[in-house]
Amino acid sequence: MKEVIKITFPSYSRNESFARGAVSAYAIRLDPTLEELNDVKAAVSEAVTNSVVHGYPDRIGIIELSIWSEKNVLYIRVKDKGLGIADVEQAMQPLFTTATDGERAGLGFAVMEDFCDNVSVKSAVGKGTVVTLSKKIKSRANNI
C-alpha cells in the first residue's frame, strides 16, 4: 500500500514556503542529494505559486498538496479548484503568462520541467488544475 500524505492549505502566497517545507520533510526519507532536494523544492514553489497567482487571482481558495513515493521516485501533486487553464500546451510554453501585473516571467512550467523528471498538467476551465511532478531520487547512499 502506498502511503500518501495530503495537506490542504489556503492559497495565500506565504504558504508556498510551507509547501516546500512539507515536501522537503517527506523527501528526506529517500535520502536525496542536496541538489535533488533543491530541485524538488524549486518545482514545488513554482507549482504552488501558479495555483496562488493564476488559479485564485481574485480570491483565496484551497490548495491540496499530496506527496508519496514508489521505488525511489518522489511524486508531488498540487491541486486547486481555481480558474483552470484554457490551453495547457500554450501555458507550458516558456515566457507565456496570463498575469497582467508585469511581474511574471512565464517560466513556472519550464522550471518544473527542468527540475523534475516528469510534469503532468490536467486542467479544466472553471474547475481547476492538477500538476503532478515526479523526481527519481538516486539516494546519497548509492553515491558514496
Protein backbone atom coordinates (compact mmCIF):
# COMPACT_ATOMS: atom_id res chain seq x y z
CA MET A 1 0.00 0.00 0.00
CA LYS A 2 1.42 3.37 -0.92
CA GLU A 3 1.45 5.98 1.81
CA VAL A 4 0.11 9.31 0.57
CA ILE A 5 0.46 12.41 2.70
CA LYS A 6 -2.24 15.02 1.93
CA ILE A 7 -2.19 18.57 3.20
CA THR A 8 -4.64 21.32 2.37
CA PHE A 9 -3.97 25.00 2.91
CA PRO A 10 -5.38 28.36 1.83
CA SER A 11 -3.91 29.96 -1.28
CA TYR A 12 -2.00 32.71 0.49
CA SER A 13 1.40 33.24 -1.11
CA ARG A 14 3.05 32.84 2.31
CA ASN A 15 2.01 29.17 2.28
CA GLU A 16 4.32 28.42 -0.64
CA SER A 17 7.21 28.11 1.82
CA PHE A 18 5.07 25.79 3.98
CA ALA A 19 4.52 23.51 0.96
CA ARG A 20 8.27 23.48 0.23
CA GLY A 21 8.99 22.53 3.83
CA ALA A 22 6.41 19.74 3.86
CA VAL A 23 7.80 18.23 0.66
CA SER A 24 11.36 18.53 1.99
CA ALA A 25 10.42 16.74 5.21
CA TYR A 26 8.89 13.87 3.24
CA ALA A 27 11.72 13.72 0.66
CA ILE A 28 14.34 13.27 3.39
CA ARG A 29 13.02 9.71 3.79
CA LEU A 30 14.51 8.90 0.38
CA ASP A 31 17.98 10.23 1.31
CA PRO A 32 18.25 12.71 -1.59
CA THR A 33 21.33 14.67 -2.52
CA LEU A 34 21.22 18.37 -1.72
CA GLU A 35 20.82 19.09 -5.45
CA GLU A 36 17.84 16.72 -5.73
CA LEU A 37 16.22 18.27 -2.68
CA ASN A 38 16.72 21.80 -4.01
CA ASP A 39 15.32 20.77 -7.41
CA VAL A 40 12.15 19.41 -5.80
CA LYS A 41 11.73 22.48 -3.61
CA ALA A 42 12.05 24.82 -6.61
CA ALA A 43 9.50 22.83 -8.63
CA VAL A 44 7.03 22.79 -5.73
CA SER A 45 7.45 26.54 -5.29
CA GLU A 46 6.51 27.10 -8.92
CA ALA A 47 3.52 24.75 -8.82
CA VAL A 48 2.08 26.31 -5.66
CA THR A 49 2.77 29.84 -6.89
CA ASN A 50 0.89 29.04 -10.11
CA SER A 51 -2.14 27.96 -8.06
CA VAL A 52 -1.98 31.11 -5.94
CA VAL A 53 -1.44 33.59 -8.79
CA HIS A 54 -3.33 32.00 -11.68
CA GLY A 55 -5.76 29.60 -10.04
CA TYR A 56 -7.08 32.05 -7.48
CA PRO A 57 -6.16 35.53 -8.76
CA ASP A 58 -9.09 37.31 -7.13
CA ARG A 59 -9.94 35.16 -4.12
CA ILE A 60 -8.48 32.78 -1.56
CA GLY A 61 -9.13 29.14 -2.36
CA ILE A 62 -7.84 25.78 -1.18
CA ILE A 63 -4.70 24.08 -2.47
CA GLU A 64 -4.24 20.36 -1.89
CA LEU A 65 -0.70 19.01 -1.72
CA SER A 66 -0.19 15.23 -1.99
CA ILE A 67 3.19 13.56 -1.55
CA TRP A 68 4.16 9.91 -1.98
CA SER A 69 6.98 7.74 -3.25
CA GLU A 70 7.38 4.47 -5.08
CA LYS A 71 10.69 2.77 -5.78
CA ASN A 72 12.85 5.86 -5.11
CA VAL A 73 10.62 8.12 -7.19
CA LEU A 74 9.13 11.07 -5.34
CA TYR A 75 5.69 12.21 -6.51
CA ILE A 76 4.12 15.55 -5.67
CA ARG A 77 0.64 16.62 -6.70
CA VAL A 78 -0.55 20.23 -6.39
CA LYS A 79 -4.28 20.59 -6.94
CA ASP A 80 -6.54 23.62 -6.92
CA LYS A 81 -10.18 24.26 -7.78
CA GLY A 82 -9.48 27.65 -9.28
CA LEU A 83 -9.93 29.17 -12.72
CA GLY A 84 -8.28 26.35 -14.66
CA ILE A 85 -6.19 26.62 -17.81
CA ALA A 86 -7.88 27.01 -21.19
CA ASP A 87 -4.87 25.78 -23.22
CA VAL A 88 -2.41 23.68 -21.20
CA GLU A 89 0.01 23.24 -24.11
CA GLN A 90 0.23 27.01 -24.58
CA ALA A 91 0.54 27.63 -20.84
CA MET A 92 3.52 25.29 -20.69
CA GLN A 93 5.44 27.30 -23.28
CA PRO A 94 8.31 29.31 -21.77
CA LEU A 95 7.50 33.02 -21.34
CA PHE A 96 3.74 32.53 -21.67
CA THR A 97 1.78 34.13 -18.85
CA THR A 98 -1.76 35.29 -18.25
CA ALA A 99 -0.68 37.60 -15.43
CA THR A 100 -1.25 41.26 -16.21
CA ASP A 101 0.85 42.71 -13.40
CA GLY A 102 4.06 42.66 -15.45
CA GLU A 103 5.87 40.83 -12.65
CA ARG A 104 5.53 37.28 -14.00
CA ALA A 105 8.08 35.81 -16.41
CA GLY A 106 6.01 32.85 -17.57
CA LEU A 107 8.69 30.34 -16.65
CA GLY A 108 6.90 28.31 -13.96
CA PHE A 109 6.26 25.18 -16.02
CA ALA A 110 9.71 25.43 -17.66
CA VAL A 111 11.31 25.46 -14.20
CA MET A 112 9.22 22.49 -13.10
CA GLU A 113 10.22 20.55 -16.23
CA ASP A 114 13.88 21.45 -15.76
CA PHE A 115 13.99 20.24 -12.15
CA CYS A 116 11.76 17.16 -12.39
CA ASP A 117 11.79 14.01 -14.48
CA ASN A 118 8.13 14.35 -15.40
CA VAL A 119 5.49 17.07 -15.19
CA SER A 120 1.85 16.27 -15.87
CA VAL A 121 -0.78 19.02 -16.06
CA LYS A 122 -4.51 18.42 -16.18
CA SER A 123 -6.90 21.31 -16.14
CA ALA A 124 -10.46 22.34 -16.91
CA VAL A 125 -11.67 25.91 -17.13
CA GLY A 126 -13.73 26.76 -14.07
CA LYS A 127 -12.82 23.50 -12.31
CA GLY A 128 -9.15 23.85 -11.51
CA THR A 129 -5.74 22.40 -12.23
CA VAL A 130 -3.75 19.38 -11.10
CA VAL A 131 0.03 19.39 -11.53
CA THR A 132 1.84 16.14 -10.81
CA LEU A 133 5.63 16.19 -10.51
CA SER A 134 7.94 13.22 -10.28
CA LYS A 135 11.64 13.06 -9.49
CA LYS A 136 13.83 9.97 -9.27
CA ILE A 137 15.93 10.16 -6.14
CA LYS A 138 19.27 8.45 -6.64
CA SER A 139 20.00 8.45 -2.88
CA ARG A 140 23.26 9.63 -1.41
CA ALA A 141 23.82 6.15 -0.01
CA ASN A 142 24.25 4.89 -3.57
CA ASN A 143 26.72 7.67 -4.41
CA ILE A 144 29.24 7.06 -1.61
